[in-house]
Every structure is written in C-alpha cells, then in structure tokens.
Amino acid sequence: MNINQPSGEPTDNSADHPLVSIRNFSIYSILSIFQKASTFLLLPVYTYYLSPEDFGIVSVATAVATLVPPLVMLNTSEYVYFTSLKRDPGWERGVSSIVGFQVMVIAGVMALGFAGIGLLPDSFAVFGVPFFPYLFFSIAFAVLSVIYTSYSLMLQGLNEVKRFSTLNISFSILFAALVIILMTVFDLKAMSFIYANLVLYAGFGSFILWKVWRRFGLTLNGSEIRKGLGYAAPLVPHTLSHWGKGYLDRVLLSSFISTTAAGLFHFASTIGSILIVGLEAFVKVNNPYFYANFEDLSKRDSIVSRLHLAAAFFSLIGIALSFFSHEWMWFFDITYSESYLLLPFLVTGNLVYLIYLGVVNVLFVKKKTLIISMLTFSSGIISSLGSYLLIRNFGLNGAAYSHVFSNVTISLLVFAGVQRFDFVPWKLYRLLFMLALPLAGILINTYSFGIMTKILISLVCMTAVLYTVRSEAGKVLRQLGINVRFLA
C-alpha cells in the first residue's frame, strides 16, 4: 500500500466532489457529536455530584496545565500535522524525529516535576487552586497528552478517517466510564477528571509510541528536529494567544471572584461547546481541500462558498442554542441555573471564531507562521486587556462579554492580515450577519418570551440566514441533482 495515499480514502480529484466532502464532514461530525454529546449527556450527572466550585477547580487546573505543552514542546505537534498533510519526500523521518523529541522532553519534565514537588509548601496555590494534587497531576496529563495529540493530528493529515475516529471514540468512552467510576464509587470530586486524563493519556501514549515505532521507527534526527522547530516554534505566541482566548476568563474569574464563578462559566461553556462539534468537523474536512487547491485560482469560488455555507449552517444551530438557552437549564441542577444568560454570548463568540478558522489557512499554506503569531499575539494582548477590564468590572457577565470580544478581535485582525497577503473574496458583512444573529437570544431570554413566540422568531431568523446564502446553497444542491426554487 502506498502510504502517501491511504487505502480506502478519496484521492485529491474525488475530494473535489461535494458528496465526498459531505461524507467526510458527516464522519467527523458524528465523531465530534459523540464526543461532545457524551459530555453533554453526562453533564446532569456531573452537576449532581460536583458543585460549581468543583467545576471551577477542574476548569482552572486544566487551564493552567494546558500552558505547559506549548512552552516545553514548542508546538511540535503542529509540524506533525503539517508534514503529514503535505507529505513531501521524507516526511516519515520528520514524524519519527519529532515524536522522538517529544518523548525526550516528556521524560525531562516528569523527572523535574517529581524532583521539585517536595520544595513547594503544602499551602502553595495558583489562581485559588492548590498546586498539589490538582495542578501537579493536571500538568502531568497535559504533558503526556502531546503524544496523543501528535498522532491524532497525523491521522487527520493523512485523511485516515476511520483510524482517527476509532482512536477518539475509544478515548471518549473510556474517559467517561473512568470519570463516572472515580466520581461515584471513590467520591474523588474534581480529581476524577484529572486522574482519568492522567491514566488514559499514559496508556494511549504508550500504545501510540508502539504504533509509531512500528510504522516509522523512533529517531532523533537533528536536521528534522530543527526543521520542525523552525516551523512550529514561531507558533508559540499564536498558541498562547489561543490559550488566553479559551482559558483566561476562567483564571480571572477564579482570581477576582471565586472558583464557583469559574465553575458556572465552565458549565455554560460546556453547553456552548456543542457548537464546536461542527466547527471542528468543518476544519478537518476543509483543510485538505484548502491546502490542495488554494493556489488554483479556478477553485477560489469554491473555497469562498465553503466558508459562507459553513457560516449559514452553524448559524442555524447557534440560533437554536441561543434562543432557547433558558429551556436548556431544565436538565441540570438548580445551582447552575443562572448560567443560561451566558449562553447567547458564548454561542456567538464560538460562531464568530469560524471566520478565523476559515481564513487563517491562507497564511499556513504560504508558511507565514511568524505572521500568524504576530497577528494572533497582538489580538491576544488586546483581548487579555479587554478580559481583565470586563471581568473586573462586570464579574461573571463580563466573562461572557469577554468571550465575544476576544473572538471578534482575533477573527477580524487575522481576516484583515490575510487579505493583505492574498485577497480572497469572502464577504465579511455576510459572515458577520449570519454569525452574530444568535446574539438576539439575549433579548429573547431577557424579556421571557413564550415558547411559541421563540419558535416563530427563530424560524424568521433561520429563513434570513438561508436567504443570505441562497446562491451558494443552490449551486451545491444542483451538483447533487437537487433543485430548490428558493435557492435558485
């Protein structure tokens, strides 16, 4: 079998057809839905056994721990994805060397961690969370997760959809089962999540190393490591910017208010992350097509249409989540009920982030990783300052405002930067209209409209979204042999 074209996967030519994209999108969506749905369906169980304070401890510990991998691994997993996606001659050596480098760093970090833990006082805490055991073991699983991340990204780059799906579904099932056992049988509260991550990343990491060793071998080729670091290290500020966008709100809430406030925000974010299901699936399906066809000017219209259609599709889901946020709270413990007013902001922020996901690939294709870091790091500084001021002045609501502000900032700044390097005719005003429409859910929930009124308003808004992309949607449907007069 030719490793450069995995068996049973579409060729570049077949990938141009909408049916192939829809098939891959469906597979990735089903996988993401399974992963997020398992978390969502178990959320009532989690809220029964965990207080908002426990949720806040998990959130802040995870936030602090996720800072460590990009700083010590220098984003080398991104190079594994890039080289697997491009598959230039000798790419296998690159994967082998980078994974070998990651193993060496993991061993060093673990040795330093166990040697230094005794030097810290028992009362030592970070952002209101005790360092031991919460942060110590969270950092341990975050470092171990790098091997899993690299292998998962490699499978995405190779378009090995079935293996990627099997890996992630297995992890999700085992994680949910282990958390429930640790939470209900051993009553470990917040540590249930941390120990479950630690055990699974250690186990899966060992299995993955064996798979990589059998397929590529494990080496420490200096030139390949330097090449990988040359691509990935400039992305560290970019990753730190994303960390600030994703986690700074919770850290500030824990520092200025309490871990309970961080827990309420984390709970609402978990519900809002259902929307991330589709965004992740879109990225996984769109990236191979984008990388293969961006330089072909005849494919630019297709690239533009894909983002417009994705914005419309996710806007419809966002409207349903946002307009009915109060109804979602019926399924959870009453101590979390005040989170419903946060949901429209979190949904809108996640939607606007699609603009960034859709356009930043232009800079990745052109290998402008330093420019990406400059743009995202600049937006990160602006967003961090905004988050600090908003949370300091408005508390829990300020964190919701901050989520929208940070996603709008990074998306618009990167969009403007991309257009200076290579103009692509995406219609920004159409994207913003569709993606910001769910924000109307704030008014709908504030004034307590009845369920029928909410349904009527949501149908009107959904019709407006479909009308906005009627030409692109009609073109795709005609390729599939379907004619709809409204979309002509």
Foldseek 3Di string as FASTA:
>chain_A
DDLLADPPQDDLVVLVAPVNLVVLLVLLLVLLCLLLVLVVVCQQVLQVLAALLLLLLLQQLLLVLLLPCCVQLLQLLVVLLVCLQVVDPPSLVLLQQSLLVLVVSLVVVVVCLVVCPVVDDQQDDALQHGCPPRNSLSNNLSSLCSLVSSVLSSCLSSVVSVVNSVVSSVLSVQLSVQLCCCCPVVVPRSCSNSVSSNVSSVVVSVVSVVVSCVVRRHDNDPVSVVVSSVLRNLCSLVVVLVSLLPRVLSSLLCNQPRSSLSSLLSSLLSLLCSLVSSLVSLLSSVLSSCLVPVVPPVCLVVLQLSLLVSLLVSLLVLLVCLLCLQVSCVSHDPSSNVSSLLNLLSNLLVSLLSLVSSQLVLCVSVSVSNVSSVQSSVLSVVLNVQLNVQCNVPNSSSSSVSSNSSSNSSNVSSVVVSCVVPNRPHDVVLSSLSSNVSNCSNVSVVVPDDPVVSVVVSVVSSVVSCLSSLQSVQVSCVSVVDHDPSSD
